[in-house]
Amino acid sequence: MKKVKMGLMALAAMSSIGSAFAFSPLAKKDSQTYYAQKSGSSFVWRTVKPHSNCASTSLAVACTIVTSTPPTDGVMPSNQTATSNIYQ
């Protein structure tokens, strides 16, 4: 019985069974990357990465988010994590 189990495990390893779960899932097809850029005392979301640096801020925002719903300027989406960083 042990030899059969070992043989099945070897066969599975050689045929790459189970390796499909070794990769991270791809982003949804309709997802878009947005970049928070400082604008006055608030921020706006852009789809083009700014040439400035991502730096610390007192605003509850993150430099980059990926979402399928376009975010509202000046608002951090509730399903995203704020890191208090923004492109300035």
PDB file of N, CA and C in Angstrom:
ATOM      1  N   MET A   1       0.825  -1.192   0.000  1.00  0.00           N
ATOM      2  CA  MET A   1       0.000   0.000   0.000  1.00  0.00           C
ATOM      3  C   MET A   1       0.868   1.255   0.000  1.00  0.00           C
ATOM      4  N   LYS A   2       1.939   1.240   0.778  1.00  0.00           N
ATOM      5  CA  LYS A   2       2.812   2.406   0.848  1.00  0.00           C
ATOM      6  C   LYS A   2       3.473   2.661  -0.504  1.00  0.00           C
ATOM      7  N   LYS A   3       3.865   1.579  -1.209  1.00  0.00           N
ATOM      8  CA  LYS A   3       4.501   1.740  -2.516  1.00  0.00           C
ATOM      9  C   LYS A   3       3.535   2.325  -3.534  1.00  0.00           C
ATOM     10  N   VAL A   4       2.265   1.938  -3.445  1.00  0.00           N
ATOM     11  CA  VAL A   4       1.263   2.464  -4.361  1.00  0.00           C
ATOM     12  C   VAL A   4       1.079   3.968  -4.107  1.00  0.00           C
ATOM     13  N   LYS A   5       0.988   4.334  -2.830  1.00  0.00           N
ATOM     14  CA  LYS A   5       0.818   5.745  -2.479  1.00  0.00           C
ATOM     15  C   LYS A   5       2.020   6.567  -2.944  1.00  0.00           C
ATOM     16  N   MET A   6       3.221   6.045  -2.734  1.00  0.00           N
ATOM     17  CA  MET A   6       4.434   6.738  -3.159  1.00  0.00           C
ATOM     18  C   MET A   6       4.464   6.871  -4.682  1.00  0.00           C
ATOM     19  N   GLY A   7       4.036   5.821  -5.374  1.00  0.00           N
ATOM     20  CA  GLY A   7       3.998   5.848  -6.835  1.00  0.00           C
ATOM     21  C   GLY A   7       3.022   6.892  -7.349  1.00  0.00           C
ATOM     22  N   LEU A   8       1.846   6.991  -6.715  1.00  0.00           N
ATOM     23  CA  LEU A   8       0.862   7.997  -7.113  1.00  0.00           C
ATOM     24  C   LEU A   8       1.374   9.412  -6.840  1.00  0.00           C
ATOM     25  N   MET A   9       2.076   9.588  -5.728  1.00  0.00           N
ATOM     26  CA  MET A   9       2.639  10.899  -5.418  1.00  0.00           C
ATOM     27  C   MET A   9       3.716  11.280  -6.438  1.00  0.00           C
ATOM     28  N   ALA A  10       4.534  10.321  -6.826  1.00  0.00           N
ATOM     29  CA  ALA A  10       5.570  10.583  -7.822  1.00  0.00           C
ATOM     30  C   ALA A  10       4.937  10.923  -9.175  1.00  0.00           C
ATOM     31  N   LEU A  11       3.906  10.191  -9.538  1.00  0.00           N
ATOM     32  CA  LEU A  11       3.199  10.453 -10.796  1.00  0.00           C
ATOM     33  C   LEU A  11       2.578  11.848 -10.775  1.00  0.00           C
ATOM     34  N   ALA A  12       1.981  12.212  -9.667  1.00  0.00           N
ATOM     35  CA  ALA A  12       1.376  13.533  -9.553  1.00  0.00           C
ATOM     36  C   ALA A  12       2.440  14.624  -9.663  1.00  0.00           C
ATOM     37  N   ALA A  13       3.593  14.407  -9.042  1.00  0.00           N
ATOM     38  CA  ALA A  13       4.669  15.400  -9.104  1.00  0.00           C
ATOM     39  C   ALA A  13       5.197  15.547 -10.524  1.00  0.00           C
ATOM     40  N   MET A  14       5.341  14.446 -11.232  1.00  0.00           N
ATOM     41  CA  MET A  14       5.869  14.501 -12.599  1.00  0.00           C
ATOM     42  C   MET A  14       4.866  15.108 -13.570  1.00  0.00           C
ATOM     43  N   SER A  15       3.577  14.941 -13.308  1.00  0.00           N
ATOM     44  CA  SER A  15       2.574  15.468 -14.232  1.00  0.00           C
ATOM     45  C   SER A  15       2.107  16.865 -13.843  1.00  0.00           C
ATOM     46  N   SER A  16       2.707  17.433 -12.811  1.00  0.00           N
ATOM     47  CA  SER A  16       2.408  18.796 -12.354  1.00  0.00           C
ATOM     48  C   SER A  16       0.999  18.958 -11.825  1.00  0.00           C
ATOM     49  N   ILE A  17       0.390  17.900 -11.350  1.00  0.00           N
ATOM     50  CA  ILE A  17      -0.929  18.006 -10.735  1.00  0.00           C
ATOM     51  C   ILE A  17      -0.781  18.817  -9.456  1.00  0.00           C
ATOM     52  N   GLY A  18      -1.637  19.758  -9.279  1.00  0.00           N
ATOM     53  CA  GLY A  18      -1.590  20.589  -8.087  1.00  0.00           C
ATOM     54  C   GLY A  18      -0.778  21.864  -8.264  1.00  0.00           C
ATOM     55  N   SER A  19      -0.028  21.987  -9.329  1.00  0.00           N
ATOM     56  CA  SER A  19       0.775  23.193  -9.510  1.00  0.00           C
ATOM     57  C   SER A  19      -0.068  24.384  -9.949  1.00  0.00           C
ATOM     58  N   ALA A  20      -1.304  24.148 -10.342  1.00  0.00           N
ATOM     59  CA  ALA A  20      -2.169  25.251 -10.759  1.00  0.00           C
ATOM     60  C   ALA A  20      -2.429  26.214  -9.604  1.00  0.00           C
ATOM     61  N   PHE A  21      -2.292  25.736  -8.385  1.00  0.00           N
ATOM     62  CA  PHE A  21      -2.554  26.580  -7.231  1.00  0.00           C
ATOM     63  C   PHE A  21      -1.292  27.283  -6.745  1.00  0.00           C
ATOM     64  N   ALA A  22      -0.187  27.101  -7.412  1.00  0.00           N
ATOM     65  CA  ALA A  22       1.074  27.709  -6.994  1.00  0.00           C
ATOM     66  C   ALA A  22       1.208  29.143  -7.492  1.00  0.00           C
ATOM     67  N   PHE A  23       0.338  29.575  -8.367  1.00  0.00           N
ATOM     68  CA  PHE A  23       0.428  30.916  -8.933  1.00  0.00           C
ATOM     69  C   PHE A  23      -0.622  31.822  -8.322  1.00  0.00           C
ATOM     70  N   SER A  24      -0.309  33.107  -8.159  1.00  0.00           N
ATOM     71  CA  SER A  24      -1.298  34.036  -7.642  1.00  0.00           C
ATOM     72  C   SER A  24      -2.332  34.319  -8.717  1.00  0.00           C
ATOM     73  N   PRO A  25      -3.530  34.584  -8.307  1.00  0.00           N
ATOM     74  CA  PRO A  25      -4.569  34.875  -9.295  1.00  0.00           C
ATOM     75  C   PRO A  25      -4.289  36.191 -10.004  1.00  0.00           C
ATOM     76  N   LEU A  26      -4.645  36.252 -11.254  1.00  0.00           N
ATOM     77  CA  LEU A  26      -4.459  37.474 -12.037  1.00  0.00           C
ATOM     78  C   LEU A  26      -5.519  38.497 -11.649  1.00  0.00           C
ATOM     79  N   ALA A  27      -5.228  39.744 -11.868  1.00  0.00           N
ATOM     80  CA  ALA A  27      -6.198  40.796 -11.598  1.00  0.00           C
ATOM     81  C   ALA A  27      -7.396  40.613 -12.519  1.00  0.00           C
ATOM     82  N   LYS A  28      -8.536  41.049 -12.065  1.00  0.00           N
ATOM     83  CA  LYS A  28      -9.725  40.952 -12.903  1.00  0.00           C
ATOM     84  C   LYS A  28      -9.507  41.706 -14.202  1.00  0.00           C
ATOM     85  N   LYS A  29     -10.126  41.230 -15.260  1.00  0.00           N
ATOM     86  CA  LYS A  29      -9.943  41.839 -16.578  1.00  0.00           C
ATOM     87  C   LYS A  29     -10.363  43.300 -16.603  1.00  0.00           C
ATOM     88  N   ASP A  30     -11.403  43.632 -15.852  1.00  0.00           N
ATOM     89  CA  ASP A  30     -11.914  45.000 -15.896  1.00  0.00           C
ATOM     90  C   ASP A  30     -11.290  45.907 -14.841  1.00  0.00           C
ATOM     91  N   SER A  31     -10.239  45.442 -14.154  1.00  0.00           N
ATOM     92  CA  SER A  31      -9.578  46.260 -13.135  1.00  0.00           C
ATOM     93  C   SER A  31      -8.651  47.286 -13.771  1.00  0.00           C
ATOM     94  N   GLN A  32      -8.493  48.395 -13.081  1.00  0.00           N
ATOM     95  CA  GLN A  32      -7.649  49.497 -13.551  1.00  0.00           C
ATOM     96  C   GLN A  32      -6.783  49.956 -12.381  1.00  0.00           C
ATOM     97  N   THR A  33      -5.553  50.360 -12.667  1.00  0.00           N
ATOM     98  CA  THR A  33      -4.677  50.921 -11.649  1.00  0.00           C
ATOM     99  C   THR A  33      -4.889  52.429 -11.607  1.00  0.00           C
ATOM    100  N   TYR A  34      -5.080  52.951 -10.390  1.00  0.00           N
ATOM    101  CA  TYR A  34      -5.268  54.391 -10.186  1.00  0.00           C
ATOM    102  C   TYR A  34      -4.173  54.895  -9.256  1.00  0.00           C
ATOM    103  N   TYR A  35      -3.706  56.109  -9.521  1.00  0.00           N
ATOM    104  CA  TYR A  35      -2.647  56.746  -8.740  1.00  0.00           C
ATOM    105  C   TYR A  35      -3.217  58.003  -8.087  1.00  0.00           C
ATOM    106  N   ALA A  36      -3.022  58.138  -6.769  1.00  0.00           N
ATOM    107  CA  ALA A  36      -3.504  59.318  -6.042  1.00  0.00           C
ATOM    108  C   ALA A  36      -2.469  60.425  -6.172  1.00  0.00           C
ATOM    109  N   GLN A  37      -2.893  61.572  -6.662  1.00  0.00           N
ATOM    110  CA  GLN A  37      -1.993  62.710  -6.834  1.00  0.00           C
ATOM    111  C   GLN A  37      -2.546  63.899  -6.048  1.00  0.00           C
ATOM    112  N   LYS A  38      -1.671  64.531  -5.269  1.00  0.00           N
ATOM    113  CA  LYS A  38      -2.069  65.671  -4.445  1.00  0.00           C
ATOM    114  C   LYS A  38      -2.623  66.785  -5.323  1.00  0.00           C
ATOM    115  N   SER A  39      -3.717  67.382  -4.861  1.00  0.00           N
ATOM    116  CA  SER A  39      -4.349  68.491  -5.564  1.00  0.00           C
ATOM    117  C   SER A  39      -4.902  69.436  -4.508  1.00  0.00           C
ATOM    118  N   GLY A  40      -4.173  70.529  -4.248  1.00  0.00           N
ATOM    119  CA  GLY A  40      -4.571  71.448  -3.188  1.00  0.00           C
ATOM    120  C   GLY A  40      -4.453  70.759  -1.835  1.00  0.00           C
ATOM    121  N   SER A  41      -5.524  70.772  -1.068  1.00  0.00           N
ATOM    122  CA  SER A  41      -5.513  70.103   0.236  1.00  0.00           C
ATOM    123  C   SER A  41      -6.115  68.706   0.160  1.00  0.00           C
ATOM    124  N   SER A  42      -6.428  68.245  -1.040  1.00  0.00           N
ATOM    125  CA  SER A  42      -7.017  66.919  -1.236  1.00  0.00           C
ATOM    126  C   SER A  42      -6.203  66.152  -2.282  1.00  0.00           C
ATOM    127  N   PHE A  43      -6.850  65.258  -3.014  1.00  0.00           N
ATOM    128  CA  PHE A  43      -6.174  64.491  -4.057  1.00  0.00           C
ATOM    129  C   PHE A  43      -7.147  64.095  -5.154  1.00  0.00           C
ATOM    130  N   VAL A  44      -6.583  63.768  -6.301  1.00  0.00           N
ATOM    131  CA  VAL A  44      -7.358  63.285  -7.444  1.00  0.00           C
ATOM    132  C   VAL A  44      -6.782  61.940  -7.879  1.00  0.00           C
ATOM    133  N   TRP A  45      -7.595  61.121  -8.487  1.00  0.00           N
ATOM    134  CA  TRP A  45      -7.155  59.818  -8.989  1.00  0.00           C
ATOM    135  C   TRP A  45      -6.797  59.948 -10.465  1.00  0.00           C
ATOM    136  N   ARG A  46      -5.662  59.414 -10.853  1.00  0.00           N
ATOM    137  CA  ARG A  46      -5.187  59.427 -12.241  1.00  0.00           C
ATOM    138  C   ARG A  46      -4.914  57.997 -12.688  1.00  0.00           C
ATOM    139  N   THR A  47      -5.067  57.734 -13.977  1.00  0.00           N
ATOM    140  CA  THR A  47      -4.752  56.407 -14.518  1.00  0.00           C
ATOM    141  C   THR A  47      -3.335  56.347 -15.076  1.00  0.00           C
ATOM    142  N   VAL A  48      -2.675  57.492 -15.161  1.00  0.00           N
ATOM    143  CA  VAL A  48      -1.292  57.563 -15.629  1.00  0.00           C
ATOM    144  C   VAL A  48      -0.412  57.849 -14.417  1.00  0.00           C
ATOM    145  N   LYS A  49       0.636  57.065 -14.243  1.00  0.00           N
ATOM    146  CA  LYS A  49       1.517  57.234 -13.085  1.00  0.00           C
ATOM    147  C   LYS A  49       2.214  58.590 -13.143  1.00  0.00           C
ATOM    148  N   PRO A  50       2.099  59.380 -12.058  1.00  0.00           N
ATOM    149  CA  PRO A  50       2.761  60.693 -12.026  1.00  0.00           C
ATOM    150  C   PRO A  50       4.282  60.553 -12.011  1.00  0.00           C
ATOM    151  N   HIS A  51       4.971  61.595 -12.457  1.00  0.00           N
ATOM    152  CA  HIS A  51       6.429  61.586 -12.466  1.00  0.00           C
ATOM    153  C   HIS A  51       7.000  61.942 -11.103  1.00  0.00           C
ATOM    154  N   SER A  52       6.152  62.393 -10.175  1.00  0.00           N
ATOM    155  CA  SER A  52       6.612  62.743  -8.838  1.00  0.00           C
ATOM    156  C   SER A  52       6.785  61.484  -7.986  1.00  0.00           C
ATOM    157  N   ASN A  53       7.315  61.666  -6.783  1.00  0.00           N
ATOM    158  CA  ASN A  53       7.550  60.538  -5.882  1.00  0.00           C
ATOM    159  C   ASN A  53       6.339  60.292  -4.992  1.00  0.00           C
ATOM    160  N   CYS A  54       6.181  59.059  -4.592  1.00  0.00           N
ATOM    161  CA  CYS A  54       5.162  58.683  -3.620  1.00  0.00           C
ATOM    162  C   CYS A  54       5.736  59.009  -2.242  1.00  0.00           C
ATOM    163  N   ALA A  55       5.084  59.928  -1.517  1.00  0.00           N
ATOM    164  CA  ALA A  55       5.620  60.391  -0.236  1.00  0.00           C
ATOM    165  C   ALA A  55       4.534  60.386   0.833  1.00  0.00           C
ATOM    166  N   SER A  56       4.975  60.482   2.067  1.00  0.00           N
ATOM    167  CA  SER A  56       4.088  60.479   3.226  1.00  0.00           C
ATOM    168  C   SER A  56       3.166  61.697   3.223  1.00  0.00           C
ATOM    169  N   THR A  57       1.945  61.504   3.723  1.00  0.00           N
ATOM    170  CA  THR A  57       0.958  62.577   3.805  1.00  0.00           C
ATOM    171  C   THR A  57       0.068  62.353   5.016  1.00  0.00           C
ATOM    172  N   SER A  58      -0.644  63.378   5.429  1.00  0.00           N
ATOM    173  CA  SER A  58      -1.587  63.236   6.540  1.00  0.00           C
ATOM    174  C   SER A  58      -2.945  62.728   6.043  1.00  0.00           C
ATOM    175  N   LEU A  59      -3.117  62.674   4.730  1.00  0.00           N
ATOM    176  CA  LEU A  59      -4.379  62.203   4.150  1.00  0.00           C
ATOM    177  C   LEU A  59      -4.492  60.684   4.248  1.00  0.00           C
ATOM    178  N   ALA A  60      -5.696  60.182   4.434  1.00  0.00           N
ATOM    179  CA  ALA A  60      -5.946  58.737   4.473  1.00  0.00           C
ATOM    180  C   ALA A  60      -6.124  58.242   3.041  1.00  0.00           C
ATOM    181  N   VAL A  61      -4.999  57.932   2.404  1.00  0.00           N
ATOM    182  CA  VAL A  61      -5.002  57.550   0.996  1.00  0.00           C
ATOM    183  C   VAL A  61      -3.825  56.608   0.741  1.00  0.00           C
ATOM    184  N   ALA A  62      -3.771  56.009  -0.413  1.00  0.00           N
ATOM    185  CA  ALA A  62      -2.643  55.174  -0.835  1.00  0.00           C
ATOM    186  C   ALA A  62      -2.182  55.676  -2.201  1.00  0.00           C
ATOM    187  N   CYS A  63      -0.889  55.557  -2.486  1.00  0.00           N
ATOM    188  CA  CYS A  63      -0.364  56.022  -3.775  1.00  0.00           C
ATOM    189  C   CYS A  63      -1.024  55.307  -4.947  1.00  0.00           C
ATOM    190  N   THR A  64      -1.210  53.997  -4.789  1.00  0.00           N
ATOM    191  CA  THR A  64      -1.709  53.182  -5.899  1.00  0.00           C
ATOM    192  C   THR A  64      -2.802  52.245  -5.407  1.00  0.00           C
ATOM    193  N   ILE A  65      -3.872  52.128  -6.182  1.00  0.00           N
ATOM    194  CA  ILE A  65      -4.918  51.145  -5.911  1.00  0.00           C
ATOM    195  C   ILE A  65      -5.273  50.461  -7.227  1.00  0.00           C
ATOM    196  N   VAL A  66      -5.820  49.277  -7.140  1.00  0.00           N
ATOM    197  CA  VAL A  66      -6.328  48.561  -8.311  1.00  0.00           C
ATOM    198  C   VAL A  66      -7.784  48.232  -8.014  1.00  0.00           C
ATOM    199  N   THR A  67      -8.663  48.701  -8.869  1.00  0.00           N
ATOM    200  CA  THR A  67     -10.088  48.497  -8.647  1.00  0.00           C
ATOM    201  C   THR A  67     -10.825  48.439  -9.983  1.00  0.00           C
ATOM    202  N   SER A  68     -11.989  47.815  -9.971  1.00  0.00           N
ATOM    203  CA  SER A  68     -12.797  47.741 -11.190  1.00  0.00           C
ATOM    204  C   SER A  68     -13.827  48.871 -11.248  1.00  0.00           C
ATOM    205  N   THR A  69     -13.946  49.624 -10.152  1.00  0.00           N
ATOM    206  CA  THR A  69     -14.868  50.758 -10.097  1.00  0.00           C
ATOM    207  C   THR A  69     -14.070  52.052 -10.020  1.00  0.00           C
ATOM    208  N   PRO A  70     -14.264  52.978 -10.928  1.00  0.00           N
ATOM    209  CA  PRO A  70     -13.520  54.237 -10.873  1.00  0.00           C
ATOM    210  C   PRO A  70     -13.749  54.941  -9.530  1.00  0.00           C
ATOM    211  N   PRO A  71     -12.668  55.310  -8.832  1.00  0.00           N
ATOM    212  CA  PRO A  71     -12.824  55.965  -7.529  1.00  0.00           C
ATOM    213  C   PRO A  71     -13.214  57.436  -7.683  1.00  0.00           C
ATOM    214  N   THR A  72     -13.786  57.986  -6.624  1.00  0.00           N
ATOM    215  CA  THR A  72     -14.170  59.391  -6.575  1.00  0.00           C
ATOM    216  C   THR A  72     -12.990  60.212  -6.071  1.00  0.00           C
ATOM    217  N   ASP A  73     -12.690  61.327  -6.744  1.00  0.00           N
ATOM    218  CA  ASP A  73     -11.593  62.192  -6.306  1.00  0.00           C
ATOM    219  C   ASP A  73     -11.791  62.606  -4.850  1.00  0.00           C
ATOM    220  N   GLY A  74     -10.708  62.551  -4.069  1.00  0.00           N
ATOM    221  CA  GLY A  74     -10.750  62.958  -2.675  1.00  0.00           C
ATOM    222  C   GLY A  74     -11.290  61.910  -1.721  1.00  0.00           C
ATOM    223  N   VAL A  75     -11.642  60.723  -2.251  1.00  0.00           N
ATOM    224  CA  VAL A  75     -12.212  59.667  -1.413  1.00  0.00           C
ATOM    225  C   VAL A  75     -11.430  58.373  -1.616  1.00  0.00           C
ATOM    226  N   MET A  76     -10.990  57.773  -0.521  1.00  0.00           N
ATOM    227  CA  MET A  76     -10.325  56.465  -0.568  1.00  0.00           C
ATOM    228  C   MET A  76     -11.412  55.395  -0.552  1.00  0.00           C
ATOM    229  N   PRO A  77     -11.459  54.499  -1.566  1.00  0.00           N
ATOM    230  CA  PRO A  77     -12.479  53.456  -1.589  1.00  0.00           C
ATOM    231  C   PRO A  77     -12.426  52.599  -0.314  1.00  0.00           C
ATOM    232  N   SER A  78     -13.591  52.239   0.204  1.00  0.00           N
ATOM    233  CA  SER A  78     -13.671  51.514   1.471  1.00  0.00           C
ATOM    234  C   SER A  78     -13.047  50.125   1.405  1.00  0.00           C
ATOM    235  N   ASN A  79     -12.953  49.546   0.228  1.00  0.00           N
ATOM    236  CA  ASN A  79     -12.377  48.202   0.110  1.00  0.00           C
ATOM    237  C   ASN A  79     -10.868  48.233  -0.149  1.00  0.00           C
ATOM    238  N   GLN A  80     -10.241  49.395  -0.004  1.00  0.00           N
ATOM    239  CA  GLN A  80      -8.801  49.561  -0.201  1.00  0.00           C
ATOM    240  C   GLN A  80      -8.150  49.966   1.116  1.00  0.00           C
ATOM    241  N   THR A  81      -6.848  49.709   1.230  1.00  0.00           N
ATOM    242  CA  THR A  81      -6.108  50.035   2.445  1.00  0.00           C
ATOM    243  C   THR A  81      -5.347  51.343   2.288  1.00  0.00           C
ATOM    244  N   ALA A  82      -5.611  52.288   3.192  1.00  0.00           N
ATOM    245  CA  ALA A  82      -4.904  53.577   3.167  1.00  0.00           C
ATOM    246  C   ALA A  82      -3.533  53.406   3.800  1.00  0.00           C
ATOM    247  N   THR A  83      -2.500  53.962   3.157  1.00  0.00           N
ATOM    248  CA  THR A  83      -1.140  53.864   3.663  1.00  0.00           C
ATOM    249  C   THR A  83      -0.558  55.235   4.006  1.00  0.00           C
ATOM    250  N   SER A  84      -1.376  56.282   3.901  1.00  0.00           N
ATOM    251  CA  SER A  84      -0.943  57.673   4.154  1.00  0.00           C
ATOM    252  C   SER A  84       0.243  58.074   3.276  1.00  0.00           C
ATOM    253  N   ASN A  85       0.188  57.653   2.025  1.00  0.00           N
ATOM    254  CA  ASN A  85       1.191  58.038   1.016  1.00  0.00           C
ATOM    255  C   ASN A  85       0.457  58.547  -0.208  1.00  0.00           C
ATOM    256  N   ILE A  86       1.087  59.493  -0.900  1.00  0.00           N
ATOM    257  CA  ILE A  86       0.461  60.097  -2.078  1.00  0.00           C
ATOM    258  C   ILE A  86       1.546  60.630  -3.010  1.00  0.00           C
ATOM    259  N   TYR A  87       1.249  60.690  -4.314  1.00  0.00           N
ATOM    260  CA  TYR A  87       2.172  61.310  -5.259  1.00  0.00           C
ATOM    261  C   TYR A  87       2.050  62.825  -5.106  1.00  0.00           C
ATOM    262  N   GLN A  88       3.180  63.490  -4.805  1.00  0.00           N
ATOM    263  CA  GLN A  88       3.142  64.937  -4.549  1.00  0.00           C
ATOM    264  C   GLN A  88       3.870  65.710  -5.615  1.00  0.00           C
TER     265      GLN A  88
END
